[in-house]
Amino acid sequence: MKQLGIMGIRVKGRDKHAPEVQEVLTRHGEIITTRTGFHGDGGDQGLISLTLQGDFHEFMQLEKDLTGINGVEVQYLKF
């Protein structure tokens, strides 16, 4: 049974790390149903929110891949 989840991603050093974050999100695109992003007023931080649908292990792998990037923090809820 597929689960639902919400994931928040903070990217510090957005200009430097955004391409790598984008690559990870693209690789896990099959579990991402909604994505929104905000980068503030010219700062070097970004905030991305995701709505997820998939298996718990897929959520964990996405989190692991994202937190493997320097400057990325992840928090999420699963339902």
C-alpha atoms as a PDB file:
ATOM      1  CA  MET A   1       0.000   0.000   0.000  1.00  0.00           C
ATOM      2  CA  LYS A   2       1.357   3.400  -0.951  1.00  0.00           C
ATOM      3  CA  GLN A   3       1.822   5.986   1.764  1.00  0.00           C
ATOM      4  CA  LEU A   4       1.530   9.756   1.620  1.00  0.00           C
ATOM      5  CA  GLY A   5       4.143  12.141   2.905  1.00  0.00           C
ATOM      6  CA  ILE A   6       5.193  15.768   3.007  1.00  0.00           C
ATOM      7  CA  MET A   7       8.883  16.626   2.819  1.00  0.00           C
ATOM      8  CA  GLY A   8      10.546  19.959   3.491  1.00  0.00           C
ATOM      9  CA  ILE A   9      14.032  20.568   2.112  1.00  0.00           C
ATOM     10  CA  ARG A  10      16.263  23.490   3.062  1.00  0.00           C
ATOM     11  CA  VAL A  11      19.194  24.129   0.757  1.00  0.00           C
ATOM     12  CA  LYS A  12      22.020  26.311   2.086  1.00  0.00           C
ATOM     13  CA  GLY A  13      24.372  27.561  -0.595  1.00  0.00           C
ATOM     14  CA  ARG A  14      21.566  27.317  -3.131  1.00  0.00           C
ATOM     15  CA  ASP A  15      23.624  28.609  -6.056  1.00  0.00           C
ATOM     16  CA  LYS A  16      26.237  25.919  -5.491  1.00  0.00           C
ATOM     17  CA  HIS A  17      24.044  22.934  -4.557  1.00  0.00           C
ATOM     18  CA  ALA A  18      20.839  23.444  -6.579  1.00  0.00           C
ATOM     19  CA  PRO A  19      21.973  21.385  -9.615  1.00  0.00           C
ATOM     20  CA  GLU A  20      22.760  18.368  -7.430  1.00  0.00           C
ATOM     21  CA  VAL A  21      19.444  18.703  -5.554  1.00  0.00           C
ATOM     22  CA  GLN A  22      17.617  18.911  -8.885  1.00  0.00           C
ATOM     23  CA  GLU A  23      19.328  15.732 -10.100  1.00  0.00           C
ATOM     24  CA  VAL A  24      18.204  13.823  -6.980  1.00  0.00           C
ATOM     25  CA  LEU A  25      14.627  15.103  -7.269  1.00  0.00           C
ATOM     26  CA  THR A  26      14.505  14.118 -10.933  1.00  0.00           C
ATOM     27  CA  ARG A  27      15.789  10.638 -10.100  1.00  0.00           C
ATOM     28  CA  HIS A  28      13.001  10.201  -7.512  1.00  0.00           C
ATOM     29  CA  GLY A  29      10.335  11.917  -9.624  1.00  0.00           C
ATOM     30  CA  GLU A  30       8.004   8.919  -9.656  1.00  0.00           C
ATOM     31  CA  ILE A  31       7.118   9.452  -5.962  1.00  0.00           C
ATOM     32  CA  ILE A  32       6.853  13.272  -6.107  1.00  0.00           C
ATOM     33  CA  THR A  33       3.286  14.425  -6.790  1.00  0.00           C
ATOM     34  CA  THR A  34       3.699  18.137  -5.973  1.00  0.00           C
ATOM     35  CA  ARG A  35       6.734  20.394  -5.692  1.00  0.00           C
ATOM     36  CA  THR A  36       6.964  24.048  -4.683  1.00  0.00           C
ATOM     37  CA  GLY A  37      10.021  26.156  -4.030  1.00  0.00           C
ATOM     38  CA  PHE A  38      11.010  29.479  -2.534  1.00  0.00           C
ATOM     39  CA  HIS A  39      14.438  31.112  -2.613  1.00  0.00           C
ATOM     40  CA  GLY A  40      13.890  34.284  -0.613  1.00  0.00           C
ATOM     41  CA  ASP A  41      15.087  37.767  -1.385  1.00  0.00           C
ATOM     42  CA  GLY A  42      18.355  37.051  -3.147  1.00  0.00           C
ATOM     43  CA  GLY A  43      19.684  34.972  -0.245  1.00  0.00           C
ATOM     44  CA  ASP A  44      21.716  31.832  -0.603  1.00  0.00           C
ATOM     45  CA  GLN A  45      19.045  29.593   0.951  1.00  0.00           C
ATOM     46  CA  GLY A  46      16.157  27.828  -0.697  1.00  0.00           C
ATOM     47  CA  LEU A  47      13.157  25.976   0.655  1.00  0.00           C
ATOM     48  CA  ILE A  48      11.423  23.208  -1.285  1.00  0.00           C
ATOM     49  CA  SER A  49       8.264  21.402  -0.218  1.00  0.00           C
ATOM     50  CA  LEU A  50       7.239  18.074  -1.719  1.00  0.00           C
ATOM     51  CA  THR A  51       4.104  15.972  -1.526  1.00  0.00           C
ATOM     52  CA  LEU A  52       5.054  12.317  -1.855  1.00  0.00           C
ATOM     53  CA  GLN A  53       3.210   9.109  -2.634  1.00  0.00           C
ATOM     54  CA  GLY A  54       5.049   5.805  -2.495  1.00  0.00           C
ATOM     55  CA  ASP A  55       6.618   3.231  -0.238  1.00  0.00           C
ATOM     56  CA  PHE A  56       8.273   4.205   3.037  1.00  0.00           C
ATOM     57  CA  HIS A  57      11.611   2.837   1.750  1.00  0.00           C
ATOM     58  CA  GLU A  58      11.395   5.177  -1.240  1.00  0.00           C
ATOM     59  CA  PHE A  59      10.901   8.140   1.108  1.00  0.00           C
ATOM     60  CA  MET A  60      13.923   7.044   3.140  1.00  0.00           C
ATOM     61  CA  GLN A  61      16.087   6.684   0.028  1.00  0.00           C
ATOM     62  CA  LEU A  62      15.105  10.172  -1.159  1.00  0.00           C
ATOM     63  CA  GLU A  63      15.981  11.588   2.267  1.00  0.00           C
ATOM     64  CA  LYS A  64      19.324   9.750   2.275  1.00  0.00           C
ATOM     65  CA  ASP A  65      20.211  10.988  -1.206  1.00  0.00           C
ATOM     66  CA  LEU A  66      19.311  14.582  -0.333  1.00  0.00           C
ATOM     67  CA  THR A  67      21.116  14.688   3.018  1.00  0.00           C
ATOM     68  CA  GLY A  68      24.196  13.338   1.274  1.00  0.00           C
ATOM     69  CA  ILE A  69      24.489  16.772  -0.355  1.00  0.00           C
ATOM     70  CA  ASN A  70      26.415  19.334   1.674  1.00  0.00           C
ATOM     71  CA  GLY A  71      24.145  22.117   2.969  1.00  0.00           C
ATOM     72  CA  VAL A  72      20.854  20.196   2.590  1.00  0.00           C
ATOM     73  CA  GLU A  73      18.507  19.537   5.517  1.00  0.00           C
ATOM     74  CA  VAL A  74      15.355  17.401   5.299  1.00  0.00           C
ATOM     75  CA  GLN A  75      12.281  17.058   7.503  1.00  0.00           C
ATOM     76  CA  TYR A  76       9.206  15.042   6.618  1.00  0.00           C
ATOM     77  CA  LEU A  77       5.896  13.639   7.770  1.00  0.00           C
ATOM     78  CA  LYS A  78       4.465  10.365   6.585  1.00  0.00           C
ATOM     79  CA  PHE A  79       0.818   9.387   6.785  1.00  0.00           C
END
